Amino acid sequence: MRRRFGRKHAREYLTFVAFVLPNIALIAVFIYRPLISNIYYSMLDWRLGSATAKIVGLANYVNWFTDPGSLEVIRITVIFTIATVGGSMVIGLALALALNQRIPGTAFARSAVFAPYVLSGVGVGMVWLFIFDPTYGALSGILRLLGTSGPDWYLDRNWALVMLIIVYVWKNLGYAAVIYLAGLQSVPNDLLEAAQIDGAGGSKRFFKIVLPLLSPTTFFLLVTIVLNSLQSFDLIRIMTKGGPLDGTKTLIYQVYEEAFVNGRAGYSSTVAIILFVVLLLLTVGQMRYLERRVHYS
């Protein structure tokens, strides 16, 4: 009996190893190995394309933390992240509430809202560059018809950041809307009907019933959208290239700029490691503290 029991568990263990081992090997090769290599590169004084490199220890980290420009990069990254995450989630929830109604045309509206999310960031950036163009752009034309003129989106560093935030939110709010829509459709109708019979108004039903039941969805969106926002690169590269006057240079764009514009591959690896640590701390913090406020039932 004991021998049969042992063979059964041995087969289960071998099956487990056969399924899990290839995935662990792929993760080790394509995630952990590049991460370890990047940590090593971050301690080098290495020019891109150079065959030689000098080990400088933590000098790149010291240079980054003592550089006054790093504080500005952090400020822009924080503003961009908060604005895009907040905008995507608030507008996405409002759209989901509208798309959850049983009226004709909602199927087409759902597809239209989600479509920008699957479009290429490069293509979206090119189209919006034309829209914001101060001379020929559609937005400028509309403002001229209204008897006013728009700001200089391309040369003013503050308006350039606003322009990027608008485009990012427009492109990505469909993701939040679709996830919120799925969450709304799982809210029990009998619960809402019972609250309505008890005299609860629309706003009270939303804040006391719907929003708490959406907390797992909100938590999931918060984690994923924060990570995506901090890693947003394509729109910045196409629309502003980090300018004007570094007014739209975020951490992820600094990684690219230091490596492929300034040729400082070692310093670029240092910024990449700092960005990795920021992402890790944010994720762990969200999982540890915000998850306590989530109601799963």
Protein backbone atom coordinates (compact mmCIF):
# COMPACT_ATOMS: atom_id res chain seq x y z
CA MET A 1 0.00 0.00 0.00
CA ARG A 2 2.84 2.34 1.02
CA ARG A 3 4.75 1.40 -2.17
CA ARG A 4 1.72 2.18 -4.42
CA PHE A 5 1.19 5.44 -2.57
CA GLY A 6 4.85 6.39 -3.12
CA ARG A 7 4.73 5.64 -6.84
CA LYS A 8 1.61 7.76 -7.23
CA HIS A 9 3.26 10.77 -5.62
CA ALA A 10 6.44 10.20 -7.62
CA ARG A 11 4.46 10.35 -10.87
CA GLU A 12 2.71 13.53 -9.71
CA TYR A 13 6.05 15.05 -8.77
CA LEU A 14 7.59 14.19 -12.15
CA THR A 15 4.55 15.64 -13.93
CA PHE A 16 4.90 18.80 -11.85
CA VAL A 17 8.58 19.10 -12.73
CA ALA A 18 7.93 18.43 -16.42
CA PHE A 19 5.43 21.30 -16.64
CA VAL A 20 7.15 23.81 -14.35
CA LEU A 21 10.83 23.33 -15.20
CA PRO A 22 10.66 24.74 -18.78
CA ASN A 23 8.88 27.86 -17.49
CA ILE A 24 11.43 28.35 -14.71
CA ALA A 25 14.24 27.92 -17.24
CA LEU A 26 12.71 30.52 -19.58
CA ILE A 27 12.19 32.99 -16.71
CA ALA A 28 15.79 32.47 -15.57
CA VAL A 29 17.21 32.97 -19.07
CA PHE A 30 15.07 35.89 -20.27
CA ILE A 31 14.34 37.79 -17.00
CA TYR A 32 16.78 37.03 -14.19
CA ARG A 33 19.92 36.69 -16.31
CA PRO A 34 19.42 40.10 -18.07
CA LEU A 35 18.63 41.65 -14.69
CA ILE A 36 21.85 40.34 -13.15
CA SER A 37 23.82 41.41 -16.24
CA ASN A 38 22.29 44.89 -16.03
CA ILE A 39 23.29 45.22 -12.39
CA TYR A 40 26.86 44.44 -13.46
CA TYR A 41 26.73 46.92 -16.36
CA SER A 42 25.46 49.63 -14.00
CA MET A 43 28.83 49.49 -12.22
CA LEU A 44 30.83 50.13 -15.38
CA ASP A 45 32.08 53.27 -17.06
CA TRP A 46 31.14 51.95 -20.49
CA ARG A 47 30.50 53.82 -23.72
CA LEU A 48 28.06 52.20 -26.13
CA GLY A 49 30.00 50.44 -28.89
CA SER A 50 33.28 50.49 -26.96
CA ALA A 51 35.09 47.18 -26.53
CA THR A 52 36.52 48.24 -23.18
CA ALA A 53 34.85 49.17 -19.91
CA LYS A 54 36.15 50.29 -16.54
CA ILE A 55 34.62 49.11 -13.28
CA VAL A 56 33.61 52.15 -11.19
CA GLY A 57 31.56 50.48 -8.48
CA LEU A 58 28.68 52.64 -7.25
CA ALA A 59 29.98 55.84 -8.89
CA ASN A 60 27.15 55.90 -11.45
CA TYR A 61 24.57 55.67 -8.67
CA VAL A 62 26.29 58.47 -6.73
CA ASN A 63 26.34 60.62 -9.89
CA TRP A 64 22.64 60.05 -10.52
CA PHE A 65 21.55 60.81 -6.97
CA THR A 66 23.72 63.96 -6.78
CA ASP A 67 22.71 65.26 -10.22
CA PRO A 68 20.16 68.15 -9.87
CA GLY A 69 18.58 67.03 -13.14
CA SER A 70 17.57 63.69 -11.56
CA LEU A 71 15.16 65.47 -9.21
CA GLU A 72 13.43 67.07 -12.20
CA VAL A 73 13.19 63.68 -13.94
CA ILE A 74 11.57 62.23 -10.81
CA ARG A 75 9.15 65.19 -10.59
CA ILE A 76 8.04 64.78 -14.20
CA THR A 77 7.75 61.00 -13.80
CA VAL A 78 5.54 61.42 -10.70
CA ILE A 79 3.29 64.04 -12.37
CA PHE A 80 2.96 61.95 -15.53
CA THR A 81 2.19 58.77 -13.58
CA ILE A 82 -0.37 60.29 -11.20
CA ALA A 83 -2.16 62.18 -13.99
CA THR A 84 -2.30 59.25 -16.42
CA VAL A 85 -3.28 56.67 -13.79
CA GLY A 86 -5.93 58.93 -12.27
CA GLY A 87 -7.27 60.03 -15.65
CA SER A 88 -7.40 56.51 -17.07
CA MET A 89 -9.18 55.06 -14.04
CA VAL A 90 -11.70 57.86 -13.42
CA ILE A 91 -12.68 58.34 -17.08
CA GLY A 92 -12.53 54.57 -17.63
CA LEU A 93 -14.99 54.00 -14.77
CA ALA A 94 -17.32 56.73 -16.09
CA LEU A 95 -17.24 55.15 -19.56
CA ALA A 96 -17.85 51.70 -18.10
CA LEU A 97 -20.94 52.99 -16.26
CA ALA A 98 -22.23 54.48 -19.52
CA LEU A 99 -21.44 51.34 -21.54
CA ASN A 100 -23.17 49.14 -18.95
CA GLN A 101 -26.57 50.53 -19.99
CA ARG A 102 -28.91 48.41 -22.11
CA ILE A 103 -29.42 50.82 -24.98
CA PRO A 104 -28.91 50.38 -28.74
CA GLY A 105 -25.38 50.97 -30.00
CA THR A 106 -23.51 49.96 -26.84
CA ALA A 107 -21.74 47.07 -28.62
CA PHE A 108 -20.29 49.45 -31.20
CA ALA A 109 -19.45 52.01 -28.49
CA ARG A 110 -17.55 49.36 -26.48
CA SER A 111 -15.47 48.46 -29.54
CA ALA A 112 -14.80 52.13 -30.31
CA VAL A 113 -13.67 52.85 -26.74
CA PHE A 114 -11.33 49.85 -26.64
CA ALA A 115 -9.88 50.32 -30.16
CA PRO A 116 -7.21 52.96 -29.29
CA TYR A 117 -5.69 50.60 -26.71
CA VAL A 118 -4.71 48.04 -29.36
CA LEU A 119 -3.33 50.63 -31.77
CA SER A 120 0.41 51.16 -32.12
CA GLY A 121 1.76 53.91 -29.88
CA VAL A 122 3.85 55.15 -32.80
CA GLY A 123 0.80 55.54 -35.04
CA VAL A 124 -1.23 57.20 -32.29
CA GLY A 125 1.60 59.63 -31.59
CA MET A 126 1.91 60.59 -35.27
CA VAL A 127 -1.84 61.25 -35.57
CA TRP A 128 -1.97 63.36 -32.41
CA LEU A 129 1.08 65.35 -33.51
CA PHE A 130 -0.98 66.48 -36.48
CA ILE A 131 -3.99 67.25 -34.28
CA PHE A 132 -1.89 69.43 -31.94
CA ASP A 133 -0.01 71.16 -34.78
CA PRO A 134 -0.30 74.94 -34.10
CA THR A 135 -0.66 75.79 -37.82
CA TYR A 136 -2.44 72.93 -39.56
CA GLY A 137 -3.79 70.90 -36.63
CA ALA A 138 -7.48 70.09 -36.19
CA LEU A 139 -7.43 71.33 -32.59
CA SER A 140 -5.95 74.69 -33.60
CA GLY A 141 -8.58 75.01 -36.35
CA ILE A 142 -11.40 74.44 -33.85
CA LEU A 143 -9.93 76.99 -31.45
CA ARG A 144 -9.60 79.55 -34.25
CA LEU A 145 -13.27 79.05 -35.11
CA LEU A 146 -14.05 79.83 -31.47
CA GLY A 147 -12.04 83.04 -31.73
CA THR A 148 -9.08 81.99 -29.62
CA SER A 149 -5.73 80.28 -30.03
CA GLY A 150 -4.26 77.30 -28.28
CA PRO A 151 -1.03 77.11 -26.29
CA ASP A 152 2.26 76.22 -27.92
CA TRP A 153 2.12 72.49 -27.27
CA TYR A 154 5.53 71.82 -28.80
CA LEU A 155 7.70 74.60 -27.32
CA ASP A 156 6.21 75.08 -23.85
CA ARG A 157 7.53 72.35 -21.53
CA ASN A 158 4.45 72.40 -19.28
CA TRP A 159 1.95 72.20 -22.15
CA ALA A 160 4.04 69.51 -23.82
CA LEU A 161 3.63 67.37 -20.69
CA VAL A 162 -0.12 68.09 -20.68
CA MET A 163 -0.27 67.05 -24.35
CA LEU A 164 1.43 63.75 -23.57
CA ILE A 165 -0.91 63.07 -20.64
CA ILE A 166 -4.00 63.73 -22.81
CA VAL A 167 -2.81 61.36 -25.54
CA TYR A 168 -1.74 58.64 -23.09
CA VAL A 169 -5.09 58.75 -21.26
CA TRP A 170 -7.03 58.69 -24.58
CA LYS A 171 -5.07 55.69 -25.82
CA ASN A 172 -5.23 53.62 -22.63
CA LEU A 173 -8.55 54.43 -20.96
CA GLY A 174 -10.26 51.74 -23.06
CA TYR A 175 -8.34 49.12 -21.07
CA ALA A 176 -9.66 50.48 -17.77
CA ALA A 177 -13.17 50.85 -19.21
CA VAL A 178 -13.35 47.22 -20.40
CA ILE A 179 -12.03 45.82 -17.10
CA TYR A 180 -14.42 48.01 -15.11
CA LEU A 181 -17.28 46.95 -17.41
CA ALA A 182 -16.57 43.30 -16.63
CA GLY A 183 -16.57 44.17 -12.91
CA LEU A 184 -19.88 46.05 -13.19
CA GLN A 185 -21.56 43.09 -14.88
CA SER A 186 -20.65 40.89 -11.90
CA VAL A 187 -22.47 43.17 -9.42
CA PRO A 188 -25.67 41.33 -8.34
CA ASN A 189 -28.79 43.05 -9.68
CA ASP A 190 -30.94 41.75 -6.81
CA LEU A 191 -28.70 43.59 -4.36
CA LEU A 192 -29.17 46.87 -6.26
CA GLU A 193 -32.91 46.30 -6.57
CA ALA A 194 -33.22 45.60 -2.84
CA ALA A 195 -31.34 48.82 -2.05
CA GLN A 196 -33.61 50.73 -4.44
CA ILE A 197 -36.69 49.32 -2.74
CA ASP A 198 -35.24 50.46 0.60
CA GLY A 199 -35.07 53.99 -0.79
CA ALA A 200 -31.38 54.25 -1.64
CA GLY A 201 -30.77 56.74 -4.47
CA GLY A 202 -28.46 56.25 -7.43
CA SER A 203 -25.43 57.92 -5.87
CA LYS A 204 -25.88 56.05 -2.59
CA ARG A 205 -26.15 52.70 -4.39
CA PHE A 206 -22.99 53.54 -6.34
CA PHE A 207 -20.84 54.60 -3.37
CA LYS A 208 -22.18 52.08 -0.84
CA ILE A 209 -22.63 48.99 -3.04
CA VAL A 210 -21.09 49.24 -6.52
CA LEU A 211 -17.80 50.92 -5.64
CA PRO A 212 -16.94 48.55 -2.72
CA LEU A 213 -17.78 45.54 -4.91
CA LEU A 214 -15.48 46.97 -7.59
CA SER A 215 -12.54 47.22 -5.17
CA PRO A 216 -10.77 44.05 -6.51
CA THR A 217 -11.10 45.46 -10.04
CA THR A 218 -9.84 48.86 -8.91
CA PHE A 219 -6.89 47.27 -7.13
CA PHE A 220 -5.95 45.20 -10.19
CA LEU A 221 -6.20 48.24 -12.48
CA LEU A 222 -4.19 50.41 -10.11
CA VAL A 223 -1.28 47.94 -10.06
CA THR A 224 -1.23 47.30 -13.81
CA ILE A 225 -1.80 50.91 -14.95
CA VAL A 226 0.89 52.27 -12.61
CA LEU A 227 3.39 49.78 -14.02
CA ASN A 228 2.38 50.54 -17.62
CA SER A 229 2.50 54.30 -17.06
CA LEU A 230 5.99 54.21 -15.55
CA GLN A 231 7.17 52.19 -18.56
CA SER A 232 5.48 54.37 -21.19
CA PHE A 233 8.06 55.19 -23.85
CA ASP A 234 6.66 55.12 -27.39
CA LEU A 235 4.47 58.23 -27.16
CA ILE A 236 7.28 60.27 -25.55
CA ARG A 237 9.75 59.15 -28.20
CA ILE A 238 7.44 60.02 -31.08
CA MET A 239 5.82 63.21 -29.80
CA THR A 240 8.39 65.14 -27.74
CA LYS A 241 11.68 63.17 -27.51
CA GLY A 242 11.84 64.16 -23.85
CA GLY A 243 11.70 67.90 -24.60
CA PRO A 244 11.35 70.77 -24.74
CA LEU A 245 14.10 71.51 -22.19
CA ASP A 246 13.70 67.98 -20.76
CA GLY A 247 10.13 68.91 -19.78
CA THR A 248 8.79 65.45 -20.69
CA LYS A 249 11.79 63.32 -19.79
CA THR A 250 10.68 60.49 -17.52
CA LEU A 251 12.82 57.76 -15.97
CA ILE A 252 12.19 55.29 -18.79
CA TYR A 253 13.05 57.90 -21.42
CA GLN A 254 16.25 58.77 -19.55
CA VAL A 255 17.27 55.11 -19.81
CA TYR A 256 16.93 55.32 -23.61
CA GLU A 257 18.51 58.77 -23.93
CA GLU A 258 21.60 57.96 -21.88
CA ALA A 259 22.26 54.75 -23.85
CA PHE A 260 21.35 55.60 -27.45
CA VAL A 261 21.72 59.41 -27.58
CA ASN A 262 24.56 60.10 -25.14
CA GLY A 263 26.23 56.69 -25.55
CA ARG A 264 26.59 56.18 -21.78
CA ALA A 265 25.57 52.52 -21.60
CA GLY A 266 26.82 52.01 -18.04
CA TYR A 267 24.98 55.08 -16.72
CA SER A 268 21.86 54.03 -18.64
CA SER A 269 21.97 50.64 -16.88
CA THR A 270 22.15 52.48 -13.57
CA VAL A 271 18.96 54.44 -14.35
CA ALA A 272 17.30 51.19 -15.47
CA ILE A 273 18.12 49.54 -12.15
CA ILE A 274 16.76 52.57 -10.26
CA LEU A 275 13.55 52.35 -12.31
CA PHE A 276 13.35 48.62 -11.55
CA VAL A 277 13.67 49.29 -7.81
CA VAL A 278 10.94 51.98 -8.01
CA LEU A 279 8.60 49.56 -9.82
CA LEU A 280 9.37 46.80 -7.32
CA LEU A 281 8.76 49.01 -4.28
CA LEU A 282 5.52 50.38 -5.71
CA THR A 283 4.21 46.90 -6.51
CA VAL A 284 5.13 45.49 -3.11
CA GLY A 285 3.65 48.54 -1.36
CA GLN A 286 0.40 48.25 -3.30
CA MET A 287 0.14 44.51 -2.66
CA ARG A 288 0.91 44.89 1.04
CA TYR A 289 -1.10 47.96 2.03
CA LEU A 290 -3.82 48.62 -0.54
CA GLU A 291 -4.94 45.00 -0.80
CA ARG A 292 -6.19 45.22 2.81
CA ARG A 293 -8.93 47.58 1.64
CA VAL A 294 -10.13 45.21 -1.07
CA HIS A 295 -13.39 43.34 -0.50
CA TYR A 296 -13.42 40.02 -2.36
CA SER A 297 -16.94 38.99 -1.36
